[in-house]
Amino acid sequence: MAAHITHAHAILIGRVDYGEADVIAQLFTDRLGRISVLARGARRSQKRFGGALEPFHTLRVGLTAPARGELFSLKDAAILRPRLSITTSLERLEAAAEGLSWLKRSTLPTNPELSLFERAETFLDALSGDSPRFKSELSTFGFHLLDSLGFGLNFSSCVSCDKECPEGKAAWVHPARGGIICVECGGGPIRLPADLRTWLARREDSPNSPLSESDDALLLRIAERALEAHMGV
């Protein structure tokens, strides 16, 4: 009896050559979460995979579940949504690679995360668009990753005493502790200007608010420190 083939959308987040012609790849999929797959003959034949095993694109893949262990078999793959422009600049490439590295290192195998898959697609779409702000897109994806996995940062009130931060006030952020810390509770290592703190607290309602390049750099610093503290990435 032929093995059942499951079809899914996927993003390649890692690959290594195996043996003389095979590839072991890591995929982040909409239906199965992060999985490892064996693509037999991927380096020798273009018929089943057609050069699809490249990062940054959305793929349509056919998979069979492992009889034992965690290694799926990749039966076919095709590029569903290409994002060739990501490879046209070093900044795009570095931002995309960093975001997918966060995704790979912070998710559990075979744990479906459809909303996170959609966030990853949105992130890659933004990087492949016209004149993306690389640090801004990367920090936004980092914050979404933290939110999706239960480590979202609180920019509205002190995470120690729960006191609300007054409107129009700057704040001190402690990414490892989960958000802003008021002065009475010891503060944090990063000062967040008032307008930026207000936007962060309301970013779901106003996601397209304009930020300066210095704001982009500061937000990326906060996202990186939070990811490192909570997920070791």
N, C-alpha and C. Protein backbone atom coordinates (compact mmCIF):
# COMPACT_ATOMS: atom_id res chain seq x y z
N MET A 1 0.84 -1.20 0.00
CA MET A 1 0.00 0.00 0.00
C MET A 1 0.88 1.25 0.00
N ALA A 2 0.62 2.18 -0.92
CA ALA A 2 1.43 3.38 -1.03
C ALA A 2 1.23 4.26 0.19
N ALA A 3 2.32 4.90 0.60
CA ALA A 3 2.25 5.79 1.75
C ALA A 3 1.43 7.04 1.40
N HIS A 4 0.68 7.51 2.37
CA HIS A 4 -0.13 8.71 2.17
C HIS A 4 0.76 9.94 2.05
N ILE A 5 0.47 10.76 1.03
CA ILE A 5 1.24 11.98 0.82
C ILE A 5 0.46 13.18 1.36
N THR A 6 1.11 13.92 2.26
CA THR A 6 0.53 15.15 2.80
C THR A 6 1.12 16.33 2.05
N HIS A 7 0.26 17.23 1.61
CA HIS A 7 0.71 18.44 0.94
C HIS A 7 0.64 19.62 1.90
N ALA A 8 1.63 20.47 1.82
CA ALA A 8 1.71 21.61 2.73
C ALA A 8 2.46 22.74 2.05
N HIS A 9 2.30 23.94 2.60
CA HIS A 9 3.13 25.07 2.20
C HIS A 9 4.31 25.14 3.17
N ALA A 10 5.46 25.54 2.67
CA ALA A 10 6.67 25.46 3.48
C ALA A 10 7.65 26.56 3.12
N ILE A 11 8.53 26.86 4.09
CA ILE A 11 9.67 27.75 3.88
C ILE A 11 10.91 26.98 4.30
N LEU A 12 11.91 26.94 3.44
CA LEU A 12 13.16 26.25 3.76
C LEU A 12 13.94 27.07 4.78
N ILE A 13 14.31 26.45 5.91
CA ILE A 13 15.06 27.16 6.94
C ILE A 13 16.43 26.53 7.21
N GLY A 14 16.78 25.50 6.44
CA GLY A 14 18.10 24.90 6.57
C GLY A 14 18.23 23.69 5.67
N ARG A 15 19.45 23.40 5.23
CA ARG A 15 19.68 22.21 4.42
C ARG A 15 21.14 21.81 4.50
N VAL A 16 21.39 20.50 4.42
CA VAL A 16 22.75 19.97 4.35
C VAL A 16 22.76 18.84 3.32
N ASP A 17 23.86 18.72 2.61
CA ASP A 17 24.02 17.61 1.68
C ASP A 17 24.20 16.32 2.47
N TYR A 18 23.65 15.23 1.91
CA TYR A 18 23.72 13.94 2.58
C TYR A 18 24.04 12.87 1.55
N GLY A 19 25.11 12.12 1.81
CA GLY A 19 25.51 11.08 0.86
C GLY A 19 25.94 11.70 -0.46
N GLU A 20 25.78 10.94 -1.53
CA GLU A 20 26.26 11.39 -2.83
C GLU A 20 25.27 12.27 -3.57
N ALA A 21 23.98 12.14 -3.26
CA ALA A 21 23.00 12.87 -4.07
C ALA A 21 21.83 13.43 -3.28
N ASP A 22 21.73 13.10 -2.00
CA ASP A 22 20.55 13.47 -1.22
C ASP A 22 20.75 14.78 -0.47
N VAL A 23 19.66 15.30 0.05
CA VAL A 23 19.65 16.50 0.87
C VAL A 23 18.76 16.26 2.08
N ILE A 24 19.24 16.66 3.25
CA ILE A 24 18.37 16.73 4.43
C ILE A 24 18.06 18.21 4.66
N ALA A 25 16.79 18.52 4.63
CA ALA A 25 16.36 19.92 4.76
C ALA A 25 15.47 20.09 5.97
N GLN A 26 15.51 21.30 6.52
CA GLN A 26 14.55 21.68 7.55
C GLN A 26 13.56 22.64 6.94
N LEU A 27 12.28 22.34 7.14
CA LEU A 27 11.20 23.16 6.61
C LEU A 27 10.35 23.67 7.75
N PHE A 28 9.85 24.89 7.59
CA PHE A 28 8.81 25.38 8.49
C PHE A 28 7.53 25.41 7.67
N THR A 29 6.54 24.61 8.07
CA THR A 29 5.34 24.41 7.26
C THR A 29 4.10 24.95 7.95
N ASP A 30 3.07 25.17 7.14
CA ASP A 30 1.82 25.67 7.69
C ASP A 30 1.04 24.60 8.44
N ARG A 31 1.22 23.33 8.07
CA ARG A 31 0.40 22.26 8.65
C ARG A 31 1.11 21.45 9.73
N LEU A 32 2.44 21.38 9.65
CA LEU A 32 3.18 20.49 10.55
C LEU A 32 4.19 21.22 11.42
N GLY A 33 4.34 22.52 11.24
CA GLY A 33 5.36 23.25 11.97
C GLY A 33 6.75 22.97 11.40
N ARG A 34 7.75 22.95 12.27
CA ARG A 34 9.13 22.72 11.82
C ARG A 34 9.39 21.22 11.71
N ILE A 35 9.86 20.79 10.54
CA ILE A 35 10.13 19.36 10.32
C ILE A 35 11.45 19.21 9.57
N SER A 36 12.05 18.02 9.69
CA SER A 36 13.21 17.65 8.91
C SER A 36 12.77 16.67 7.83
N VAL A 37 13.31 16.83 6.62
CA VAL A 37 12.90 15.97 5.51
C VAL A 37 14.13 15.45 4.78
N LEU A 38 13.98 14.26 4.23
CA LEU A 38 15.01 13.68 3.36
C LEU A 38 14.54 13.80 1.92
N ALA A 39 15.32 14.51 1.11
CA ALA A 39 15.02 14.66 -0.32
C ALA A 39 15.99 13.78 -1.10
N ARG A 40 15.54 12.60 -1.44
CA ARG A 40 16.42 11.64 -2.14
C ARG A 40 16.68 12.11 -3.58
N GLY A 41 17.96 12.10 -3.93
CA GLY A 41 18.35 12.46 -5.29
C GLY A 41 18.21 13.94 -5.62
N ALA A 42 18.04 14.79 -4.60
CA ALA A 42 17.78 16.21 -4.86
C ALA A 42 18.95 16.90 -5.57
N ARG A 43 20.16 16.41 -5.38
CA ARG A 43 21.33 17.04 -6.01
C ARG A 43 21.64 16.43 -7.38
N ARG A 44 20.86 15.42 -7.75
CA ARG A 44 21.15 14.74 -9.02
C ARG A 44 20.03 14.94 -10.03
N SER A 45 18.77 14.96 -9.54
CA SER A 45 17.63 15.06 -10.45
C SER A 45 16.84 16.34 -10.18
N GLN A 46 16.45 17.03 -11.25
CA GLN A 46 15.64 18.23 -11.14
C GLN A 46 14.14 17.92 -11.34
N LYS A 47 13.82 16.68 -11.63
CA LYS A 47 12.45 16.34 -12.02
C LYS A 47 11.46 16.57 -10.89
N ARG A 48 11.78 16.08 -9.67
CA ARG A 48 10.82 16.18 -8.57
C ARG A 48 10.90 17.50 -7.83
N PHE A 49 12.08 18.10 -7.80
CA PHE A 49 12.28 19.28 -6.95
C PHE A 49 12.56 20.55 -7.75
N GLY A 50 13.08 20.42 -8.97
CA GLY A 50 13.20 21.56 -9.86
C GLY A 50 13.88 22.78 -9.29
N GLY A 51 14.87 22.60 -8.45
CA GLY A 51 15.57 23.74 -7.88
C GLY A 51 14.78 24.48 -6.83
N ALA A 52 13.74 23.83 -6.28
CA ALA A 52 12.86 24.51 -5.31
C ALA A 52 13.45 24.60 -3.92
N LEU A 53 14.47 23.78 -3.63
CA LEU A 53 14.98 23.73 -2.26
C LEU A 53 15.96 24.87 -1.99
N GLU A 54 15.42 26.07 -2.05
CA GLU A 54 16.18 27.30 -1.79
C GLU A 54 15.42 28.11 -0.75
N PRO A 55 16.14 28.89 0.05
CA PRO A 55 15.47 29.66 1.11
C PRO A 55 14.68 30.84 0.56
N PHE A 56 13.80 31.37 1.42
CA PHE A 56 13.06 32.63 1.24
C PHE A 56 11.78 32.49 0.42
N HIS A 57 11.66 31.48 -0.44
CA HIS A 57 10.44 31.30 -1.21
C HIS A 57 9.40 30.52 -0.39
N THR A 58 8.12 30.68 -0.74
CA THR A 58 7.10 29.78 -0.22
C THR A 58 6.99 28.60 -1.18
N LEU A 59 7.09 27.40 -0.64
CA LEU A 59 7.07 26.17 -1.44
C LEU A 59 5.76 25.42 -1.23
N ARG A 60 5.41 24.61 -2.22
CA ARG A 60 4.37 23.61 -2.04
C ARG A 60 5.06 22.26 -2.07
N VAL A 61 4.93 21.51 -0.98
CA VAL A 61 5.67 20.26 -0.85
C VAL A 61 4.72 19.09 -0.62
N GLY A 62 5.17 17.92 -1.09
CA GLY A 62 4.48 16.66 -0.82
C GLY A 62 5.35 15.81 0.09
N LEU A 63 4.78 15.34 1.21
CA LEU A 63 5.55 14.65 2.24
C LEU A 63 4.90 13.34 2.63
N THR A 64 5.75 12.39 3.03
CA THR A 64 5.24 11.19 3.69
C THR A 64 5.85 11.13 5.09
N ALA A 65 5.03 10.74 6.05
CA ALA A 65 5.45 10.70 7.45
C ALA A 65 6.46 9.58 7.67
N PRO A 66 7.36 9.75 8.62
CA PRO A 66 8.35 8.70 8.89
C PRO A 66 7.71 7.49 9.56
N ALA A 67 8.19 6.30 9.18
CA ALA A 67 7.74 5.08 9.86
C ALA A 67 8.26 5.06 11.28
N ARG A 68 9.42 5.64 11.50
CA ARG A 68 10.00 5.79 12.82
C ARG A 68 10.93 7.01 12.79
N GLY A 69 11.22 7.55 13.94
CA GLY A 69 12.04 8.74 14.00
C GLY A 69 11.28 9.98 13.60
N GLU A 70 12.00 11.03 13.21
CA GLU A 70 11.39 12.32 12.91
C GLU A 70 11.66 12.81 11.49
N LEU A 71 12.30 11.98 10.66
CA LEU A 71 12.70 12.42 9.33
C LEU A 71 11.62 12.06 8.29
N PHE A 72 10.91 13.10 7.80
CA PHE A 72 9.92 12.91 6.76
C PHE A 72 10.62 12.66 5.42
N SER A 73 9.88 12.11 4.47
CA SER A 73 10.39 11.96 3.10
C SER A 73 9.74 13.01 2.22
N LEU A 74 10.56 13.75 1.50
CA LEU A 74 10.07 14.77 0.58
C LEU A 74 9.86 14.14 -0.79
N LYS A 75 8.64 14.11 -1.25
CA LYS A 75 8.32 13.46 -2.51
C LYS A 75 8.35 14.43 -3.69
N ASP A 76 7.95 15.66 -3.46
CA ASP A 76 8.00 16.66 -4.52
C ASP A 76 8.00 18.04 -3.89
N ALA A 77 8.47 19.02 -4.63
CA ALA A 77 8.50 20.40 -4.16
C ALA A 77 8.48 21.34 -5.35
N ALA A 78 7.76 22.43 -5.21
CA ALA A 78 7.70 23.45 -6.26
C ALA A 78 7.60 24.82 -5.60
N ILE A 79 8.15 25.82 -6.26
CA ILE A 79 8.08 27.18 -5.73
C ILE A 79 6.68 27.74 -5.99
N LEU A 80 6.00 28.08 -4.92
CA LEU A 80 4.65 28.63 -5.01
C LEU A 80 4.68 30.16 -5.07
N ARG A 81 5.53 30.78 -4.24
CA ARG A 81 5.67 32.23 -4.23
C ARG A 81 7.15 32.58 -4.20
N PRO A 82 7.72 32.94 -5.34
CA PRO A 82 9.15 33.27 -5.37
C PRO A 82 9.42 34.65 -4.78
N ARG A 83 10.59 34.77 -4.18
CA ARG A 83 11.03 36.07 -3.64
C ARG A 83 12.50 36.29 -4.05
N LEU A 84 12.70 36.33 -5.35
CA LEU A 84 14.05 36.40 -5.90
C LEU A 84 14.75 37.70 -5.52
N SER A 85 14.00 38.77 -5.28
CA SER A 85 14.63 40.06 -5.02
C SER A 85 15.38 40.08 -3.69
N ILE A 86 15.07 39.14 -2.79
CA ILE A 86 15.78 39.12 -1.50
C ILE A 86 17.28 38.90 -1.71
N THR A 87 17.63 38.17 -2.75
CA THR A 87 19.05 37.87 -2.99
C THR A 87 19.76 38.97 -3.78
N THR A 88 19.07 40.07 -4.07
CA THR A 88 19.68 41.12 -4.88
C THR A 88 20.48 42.13 -4.06
N SER A 89 20.37 42.08 -2.73
CA SER A 89 21.17 42.99 -1.91
C SER A 89 21.60 42.27 -0.64
N LEU A 90 22.76 42.65 -0.14
CA LEU A 90 23.29 42.02 1.05
C LEU A 90 22.41 42.31 2.26
N GLU A 91 21.86 43.52 2.37
CA GLU A 91 21.03 43.87 3.52
C GLU A 91 19.75 43.04 3.56
N ARG A 92 19.11 42.87 2.40
CA ARG A 92 17.92 42.01 2.33
C ARG A 92 18.27 40.58 2.76
N LEU A 93 19.36 40.09 2.20
CA LEU A 93 19.78 38.72 2.44
C LEU A 93 20.09 38.49 3.92
N GLU A 94 20.82 39.42 4.54
CA GLU A 94 21.19 39.26 5.94
C GLU A 94 19.97 39.32 6.85
N ALA A 95 19.04 40.24 6.56
CA ALA A 95 17.84 40.35 7.38
C ALA A 95 16.98 39.09 7.27
N ALA A 96 16.79 38.59 6.05
CA ALA A 96 15.99 37.38 5.84
C ALA A 96 16.63 36.18 6.52
N ALA A 97 17.95 36.04 6.37
CA ALA A 97 18.65 34.91 6.99
C ALA A 97 18.56 34.97 8.50
N GLU A 98 18.68 36.17 9.08
CA GLU A 98 18.59 36.31 10.53
C GLU A 98 17.20 35.95 11.03
N GLY A 99 16.17 36.43 10.35
CA GLY A 99 14.80 36.11 10.75
C GLY A 99 14.50 34.62 10.69
N LEU A 100 14.95 33.96 9.64
CA LEU A 100 14.71 32.52 9.52
C LEU A 100 15.55 31.74 10.53
N SER A 101 16.71 32.26 10.89
CA SER A 101 17.51 31.63 11.94
C SER A 101 16.77 31.71 13.28
N TRP A 102 16.17 32.85 13.59
CA TRP A 102 15.35 32.97 14.80
C TRP A 102 14.23 31.94 14.78
N LEU A 103 13.57 31.85 13.63
CA LEU A 103 12.44 30.92 13.49
C LEU A 103 12.88 29.48 13.72
N LYS A 104 13.99 29.11 13.14
CA LYS A 104 14.50 27.74 13.25
C LYS A 104 14.86 27.40 14.68
N ARG A 105 15.50 28.33 15.38
CA ARG A 105 16.04 28.04 16.71
C ARG A 105 15.03 28.20 17.84
N SER A 106 13.90 28.81 17.56
CA SER A 106 12.95 29.07 18.63
C SER A 106 11.67 28.24 18.56
N THR A 107 11.51 27.44 17.52
CA THR A 107 10.30 26.63 17.38
C THR A 107 10.58 25.16 17.65
N LEU A 108 9.55 24.47 18.07
CA LEU A 108 9.65 23.04 18.38
C LEU A 108 9.29 22.22 17.15
N PRO A 109 9.89 21.04 17.00
CA PRO A 109 9.55 20.20 15.84
C PRO A 109 8.12 19.69 15.92
N THR A 110 7.53 19.54 14.74
CA THR A 110 6.17 19.01 14.54
C THR A 110 5.15 19.66 15.47
N ASN A 111 5.27 20.98 15.62
CA ASN A 111 4.32 21.74 16.44
C ASN A 111 3.71 22.81 15.53
N PRO A 112 2.53 22.54 14.95
CA PRO A 112 1.95 23.47 13.98
C PRO A 112 1.75 24.87 14.56
N GLU A 113 2.16 25.87 13.79
CA GLU A 113 2.05 27.28 14.19
C GLU A 113 1.62 28.07 12.96
N LEU A 114 0.34 27.94 12.59
CA LEU A 114 -0.12 28.56 11.35
C LEU A 114 0.05 30.07 11.38
N SER A 115 -0.30 30.72 12.48
CA SER A 115 -0.18 32.17 12.54
C SER A 115 1.28 32.61 12.41
N LEU A 116 2.19 31.82 12.98
CA LEU A 116 3.61 32.15 12.88
C LEU A 116 4.11 31.93 11.45
N PHE A 117 3.61 30.91 10.79
CA PHE A 117 3.96 30.70 9.38
C PHE A 117 3.51 31.90 8.54
N GLU A 118 2.31 32.39 8.81
CA GLU A 118 1.81 33.54 8.07
C GLU A 118 2.64 34.79 8.37
N ARG A 119 3.08 34.94 9.64
CA ARG A 119 3.96 36.06 9.98
C ARG A 119 5.29 35.98 9.24
N ALA A 120 5.81 34.76 9.12
CA ALA A 120 7.07 34.58 8.40
C ALA A 120 6.91 34.94 6.93
N GLU A 121 5.79 34.57 6.33
CA GLU A 121 5.54 34.94 4.94
C GLU A 121 5.44 36.46 4.78
N THR A 122 4.74 37.11 5.71
CA THR A 122 4.60 38.57 5.67
C THR A 122 5.97 39.24 5.77
N PHE A 123 6.81 38.73 6.66
CA PHE A 123 8.18 39.25 6.84
C PHE A 123 8.97 39.13 5.55
N LEU A 124 8.95 37.97 4.93
CA LEU A 124 9.71 37.76 3.69
C LEU A 124 9.13 38.58 2.54
N ASP A 125 7.80 38.70 2.49
CA ASP A 125 7.18 39.54 1.47
C ASP A 125 7.65 40.98 1.60
N ALA A 126 7.71 41.48 2.84
CA ALA A 126 8.14 42.86 3.07
C ALA A 126 9.58 43.06 2.61
N LEU A 127 10.44 42.10 2.90
CA LEU A 127 11.84 42.23 2.50
C LEU A 127 12.02 42.16 0.98
N SER A 128 11.10 41.50 0.30
CA SER A 128 11.22 41.38 -1.15
C SER A 128 10.52 42.52 -1.87
N GLY A 129 9.88 43.42 -1.12
CA GLY A 129 9.18 44.54 -1.74
C GLY A 129 10.11 45.68 -2.10
N ASP A 130 9.50 46.80 -2.49
CA ASP A 130 10.28 47.97 -2.89
C ASP A 130 10.78 48.72 -1.67
N SER A 131 12.08 48.99 -1.63
CA SER A 131 12.72 49.82 -0.60
C SER A 131 12.32 49.44 0.83
N PRO A 132 12.50 48.19 1.22
CA PRO A 132 12.17 47.81 2.60
C PRO A 132 13.13 48.43 3.60
N ARG A 133 12.65 48.65 4.82
CA ARG A 133 13.50 49.09 5.93
C ARG A 133 13.89 47.83 6.68
N PHE A 134 15.10 47.38 6.43
CA PHE A 134 15.51 46.05 6.84
C PHE A 134 15.45 45.85 8.35
N LYS A 135 16.00 46.80 9.11
CA LYS A 135 15.99 46.67 10.56
C LYS A 135 14.58 46.71 11.12
N SER A 136 13.74 47.55 10.54
CA SER A 136 12.36 47.65 10.99
C SER A 136 11.60 46.35 10.74
N GLU A 137 11.75 45.79 9.54
CA GLU A 137 11.05 44.53 9.22
C GLU A 137 11.56 43.40 10.12
N LEU A 138 12.86 43.38 10.39
CA LEU A 138 13.42 42.31 11.21
C LEU A 138 12.96 42.44 12.66
N SER A 139 12.97 43.65 13.21
CA SER A 139 12.51 43.82 14.60
C SER A 139 11.03 43.52 14.72
N THR A 140 10.23 43.92 13.73
CA THR A 140 8.80 43.62 13.75
C THR A 140 8.56 42.12 13.78
N PHE A 141 9.31 41.38 12.95
CA PHE A 141 9.17 39.93 12.95
C PHE A 141 9.62 39.35 14.30
N GLY A 142 10.70 39.91 14.87
CA GLY A 142 11.16 39.45 16.18
C GLY A 142 10.09 39.62 17.25
N PHE A 143 9.41 40.78 17.26
CA PHE A 143 8.35 41.01 18.24
C PHE A 143 7.18 40.06 18.01
N HIS A 144 6.84 39.82 16.75
CA HIS A 144 5.77 38.87 16.45
C HIS A 144 6.14 37.45 16.89
N LEU A 145 7.40 37.10 16.70
CA LEU A 145 7.87 35.79 17.13
C LEU A 145 7.75 35.65 18.65
N LEU A 146 8.16 36.67 19.38
CA LEU A 146 8.03 36.67 20.84
C LEU A 146 6.56 36.57 21.25
N ASP A 147 5.69 37.34 20.60
CA ASP A 147 4.26 37.30 20.92
C ASP A 147 3.68 35.90 20.68
N SER A 148 4.01 35.32 19.52
CA SER A 148 3.44 34.02 19.14
C SER A 148 3.84 32.91 20.10
N LEU A 149 5.03 33.03 20.67
CA LEU A 149 5.55 31.96 21.53
C LEU A 149 5.39 32.27 23.02
N GLY A 150 4.60 33.31 23.33
CA GLY A 150 4.27 33.58 24.73
C GLY A 150 5.25 34.43 25.49
N PHE A 151 6.14 35.14 24.78
CA PHE A 151 7.14 35.98 25.44
C PHE A 151 7.03 37.45 25.01
N GLY A 152 5.81 37.86 24.65
CA GLY A 152 5.62 39.23 24.21
C GLY A 152 6.01 40.24 25.28
N LEU A 153 6.58 41.36 24.84
CA LEU A 153 7.05 42.39 25.77
C LEU A 153 5.92 43.36 26.10
N ASN A 154 5.89 43.78 27.36
CA ASN A 154 4.89 44.73 27.85
C ASN A 154 5.49 46.13 27.83
N PHE A 155 4.90 47.00 26.99
CA PHE A 155 5.37 48.38 26.91
C PHE A 155 4.39 49.37 27.53
N SER A 156 3.38 48.85 28.23
CA SER A 156 2.34 49.71 28.82
C SER A 156 2.51 49.92 30.31
N SER A 157 2.97 48.90 31.01
CA SER A 157 3.08 48.99 32.47
C SER A 157 4.30 48.24 32.96
N CYS A 158 4.74 48.56 34.16
CA CYS A 158 5.91 47.93 34.76
C CYS A 158 5.65 46.44 34.96
N VAL A 159 6.54 45.60 34.48
CA VAL A 159 6.34 44.16 34.61
C VAL A 159 6.64 43.67 36.03
N SER A 160 7.18 44.55 36.86
CA SER A 160 7.48 44.18 38.24
C SER A 160 6.34 44.53 39.19
N CYS A 161 5.86 45.79 39.11
CA CYS A 161 4.80 46.22 40.03
C CYS A 161 3.47 46.47 39.35
N ASP A 162 3.41 46.40 38.03
CA ASP A 162 2.19 46.57 37.23
C ASP A 162 1.69 48.01 37.18
N LYS A 163 2.51 48.97 37.57
CA LYS A 163 2.09 50.37 37.51
C LYS A 163 2.10 50.84 36.06
N GLU A 164 1.00 51.50 35.63
CA GLU A 164 0.91 52.00 34.28
C GLU A 164 1.95 53.09 34.03
N CYS A 165 2.52 53.07 32.83
CA CYS A 165 3.45 54.13 32.45
C CYS A 165 2.62 55.33 32.00
N PRO A 166 2.83 56.51 32.57
CA PRO A 166 2.04 57.68 32.20
C PRO A 166 2.19 58.03 30.73
N GLU A 167 1.12 58.55 30.13
CA GLU A 167 1.15 59.00 28.74
C GLU A 167 2.24 60.06 28.55
N GLY A 168 2.98 59.94 27.48
CA GLY A 168 4.00 60.93 27.17
C GLY A 168 5.27 60.81 27.98
N LYS A 169 5.46 59.68 28.64
CA LYS A 169 6.65 59.47 29.45
C LYS A 169 7.57 58.43 28.82
N ALA A 170 8.86 58.71 28.89
CA ALA A 170 9.84 57.70 28.48
C ALA A 170 9.86 56.58 29.51
N ALA A 171 10.52 55.48 29.17
CA ALA A 171 10.56 54.33 30.09
C ALA A 171 11.87 53.59 29.90
N TRP A 172 12.18 52.76 30.87
CA TRP A 172 13.36 51.89 30.81
C TRP A 172 12.90 50.47 30.54
N VAL A 173 13.53 49.84 29.56
CA VAL A 173 13.15 48.50 29.13
C VAL A 173 14.18 47.48 29.59
N HIS A 174 13.65 46.36 30.10
CA HIS A 174 14.52 45.22 30.45
C HIS A 174 14.03 44.03 29.61
N PRO A 175 14.61 43.80 28.42
CA PRO A 175 14.10 42.74 27.54
C PRO A 175 14.05 41.37 28.19
N ALA A 176 15.04 41.05 29.03
CA ALA A 176 15.08 39.72 29.65
C ALA A 176 13.97 39.53 30.67
N ARG A 177 13.45 40.63 31.25
CA ARG A 177 12.39 40.54 32.24
C ARG A 177 11.00 40.75 31.65
N GLY A 178 10.94 41.03 30.35
CA GLY A 178 9.65 41.03 29.69
C GLY A 178 9.03 42.37 29.38
N GLY A 179 9.78 43.48 29.53
CA GLY A 179 9.19 44.77 29.17
C GLY A 179 9.77 45.91 29.96
N ILE A 180 8.94 46.94 30.18
CA ILE A 180 9.43 48.13 30.88
C ILE A 180 9.45 47.88 32.40
N ILE A 181 10.43 48.51 33.05
CA ILE A 181 10.59 48.46 34.50
C ILE A 181 10.62 49.91 35.00
N CYS A 182 9.72 50.25 35.93
CA CYS A 182 9.71 51.62 36.42
C CYS A 182 10.96 51.89 37.27
N VAL A 183 11.25 53.18 37.47
CA VAL A 183 12.45 53.58 38.21
C VAL A 183 12.41 53.03 39.63
N GLU A 184 11.22 53.06 40.25
CA GLU A 184 11.09 52.56 41.62
C GLU A 184 11.44 51.08 41.74
N CYS A 185 11.28 50.33 40.66
CA CYS A 185 11.59 48.89 40.67
C CYS A 185 12.99 48.60 40.10
N GLY A 186 13.75 49.64 39.85
CA GLY A 186 15.13 49.44 39.41
C GLY A 186 15.42 49.78 37.97
N GLY A 187 14.38 50.03 37.16
CA GLY A 187 14.61 50.38 35.77
C GLY A 187 15.20 49.25 34.94
N GLY A 188 15.63 49.57 33.74
CA GLY A 188 16.22 48.57 32.84
C GLY A 188 17.40 49.16 32.11
N PRO A 189 18.06 48.37 31.29
CA PRO A 189 19.30 48.82 30.62
C PRO A 189 19.09 49.67 29.39
N ILE A 190 17.85 49.73 28.86
CA ILE A 190 17.61 50.46 27.60
C ILE A 190 16.54 51.52 27.82
N ARG A 191 16.88 52.78 27.50
CA ARG A 191 15.92 53.87 27.62
C ARG A 191 15.07 53.94 26.35
N LEU A 192 13.76 54.00 26.54
CA LEU A 192 12.82 54.05 25.43
C LEU A 192 12.15 55.42 25.42
N PRO A 193 12.37 56.21 24.37
CA PRO A 193 11.74 57.53 24.30
C PRO A 193 10.21 57.45 24.37
N ALA A 194 9.59 58.53 24.83
CA ALA A 194 8.15 58.53 25.09
C ALA A 194 7.33 58.19 23.85
N ASP A 195 7.63 58.84 22.70
CA ASP A 195 6.82 58.59 21.51
C ASP A 195 6.97 57.17 21.00
N LEU A 196 8.16 56.62 21.13
CA LEU A 196 8.40 55.25 20.67
C LEU A 196 7.73 54.25 21.60
N ARG A 197 7.77 54.51 22.91
CA ARG A 197 7.09 53.62 23.86
C ARG A 197 5.59 53.61 23.60
N THR A 198 5.01 54.80 23.36
CA THR A 198 3.58 54.89 23.09
C THR A 198 3.21 54.12 21.84
N TRP A 199 4.02 54.24 20.79
CA TRP A 199 3.73 53.49 19.57
C TRP A 199 3.83 51.99 19.78
N LEU A 200 4.84 51.56 20.53
CA LEU A 200 4.99 50.13 20.80
C LEU A 200 3.81 49.57 21.58
N ALA A 201 3.31 50.34 22.53
CA ALA A 201 2.17 49.89 23.33
C ALA A 201 0.91 49.75 22.49
N ARG A 202 0.86 50.48 21.36
CA ARG A 202 -0.34 50.49 20.52
C ARG A 202 -0.08 49.99 19.12
N ARG A 203 1.02 49.27 18.92
CA ARG A 203 1.45 48.96 17.56
C ARG A 203 0.47 48.08 16.80
N GLU A 204 -0.35 47.29 17.50
CA GLU A 204 -1.33 46.47 16.79
C GLU A 204 -2.41 47.34 16.15
N ASP A 205 -2.66 48.52 16.75
CA ASP A 205 -3.67 49.43 16.21
C ASP A 205 -3.10 50.38 15.18
N SER A 206 -1.78 50.59 15.22
CA SER A 206 -1.15 51.52 14.26
C SER A 206 0.18 50.95 13.79
N PRO A 207 0.13 49.79 13.07
CA PRO A 207 1.38 49.10 12.70
C PRO A 207 2.24 49.86 11.71
N ASN A 208 1.68 50.83 11.00
CA ASN A 208 2.44 51.49 9.94
C ASN A 208 2.95 52.87 10.34
N SER A 209 2.98 53.16 11.64
CA SER A 209 3.48 54.45 12.07
C SER A 209 4.93 54.62 11.64
N PRO A 210 5.29 55.81 11.09
CA PRO A 210 6.67 56.02 10.62
C PRO A 210 7.66 56.08 11.78
N LEU A 211 8.79 55.45 11.61
CA LEU A 211 9.87 55.46 12.59
C LEU A 211 11.14 55.95 11.92
N SER A 212 12.03 56.51 12.71
CA SER A 212 13.32 56.95 12.17
C SER A 212 14.28 55.76 12.12
N GLU A 213 15.40 55.94 11.44
CA GLU A 213 16.40 54.88 11.38
C GLU A 213 16.97 54.57 12.77
N SER A 214 17.10 55.61 13.61
CA SER A 214 17.59 55.35 14.97
C SER A 214 16.56 54.57 15.77
N ASP A 215 15.26 54.82 15.53
CA ASP A 215 14.21 54.02 16.17
C ASP A 215 14.31 52.56 15.73
N ASP A 216 14.51 52.35 14.42
CA ASP A 216 14.64 50.98 13.89
C ASP A 216 15.78 50.23 14.59
N ALA A 217 16.92 50.90 14.75
CA ALA A 217 18.08 50.27 15.38
C ALA A 217 17.81 49.94 16.84
N LEU A 218 17.12 50.85 17.55
CA LEU A 218 16.81 50.62 18.95
C LEU A 218 15.84 49.46 19.12
N LEU A 219 14.82 49.41 18.29
CA LEU A 219 13.84 48.31 18.38
C LEU A 219 14.48 46.97 18.05
N LEU A 220 15.38 46.96 17.08
CA LEU A 220 16.06 45.70 16.75
C LEU A 220 16.93 45.25 17.92
N ARG A 221 17.57 46.19 18.58
CA ARG A 221 18.37 45.86 19.77
C ARG A 221 17.51 45.24 20.86
N ILE A 222 16.32 45.80 21.09
CA ILE A 222 15.42 45.26 22.11
C ILE A 222 14.94 43.87 21.72
N ALA A 223 14.54 43.70 20.46
CA ALA A 223 14.06 42.39 20.00
C ALA A 223 15.16 41.33 20.12
N GLU A 224 16.37 41.69 19.72
CA GLU A 224 17.49 40.72 19.77
C GLU A 224 17.77 40.31 21.21
N ARG A 225 17.77 41.27 22.13
CA ARG A 225 18.06 40.93 23.53
C ARG A 225 16.96 40.06 24.13
N ALA A 226 15.70 40.35 23.76
CA ALA A 226 14.60 39.55 24.29
C ALA A 226 14.65 38.12 23.75
N LEU A 227 14.93 37.98 22.47
CA LEU A 227 15.02 36.64 21.87
C LEU A 227 16.18 35.86 22.48
N GLU A 228 17.29 36.54 22.71
CA GLU A 228 18.44 35.87 23.32
C GLU A 228 18.12 35.42 24.74
N ALA A 229 17.42 36.26 25.50
CA ALA A 229 17.12 35.94 26.89
C ALA A 229 16.09 34.82 27.02
N HIS A 230 15.06 34.85 26.17
CA HIS A 230 13.95 33.91 26.34
C HIS A 230 14.10 32.65 25.51
N MET A 231 14.84 32.71 24.40
CA MET A 231 14.90 31.57 23.50
C MET A 231 16.32 31.15 23.16
N GLY A 232 17.30 31.89 23.68
CA GLY A 232 18.68 31.54 23.42
C GLY A 232 19.11 31.74 22.00
N VAL A 233 18.44 32.65 21.26
CA VAL A 233 18.80 32.87 19.86
C VAL A 233 19.56 34.17 19.70
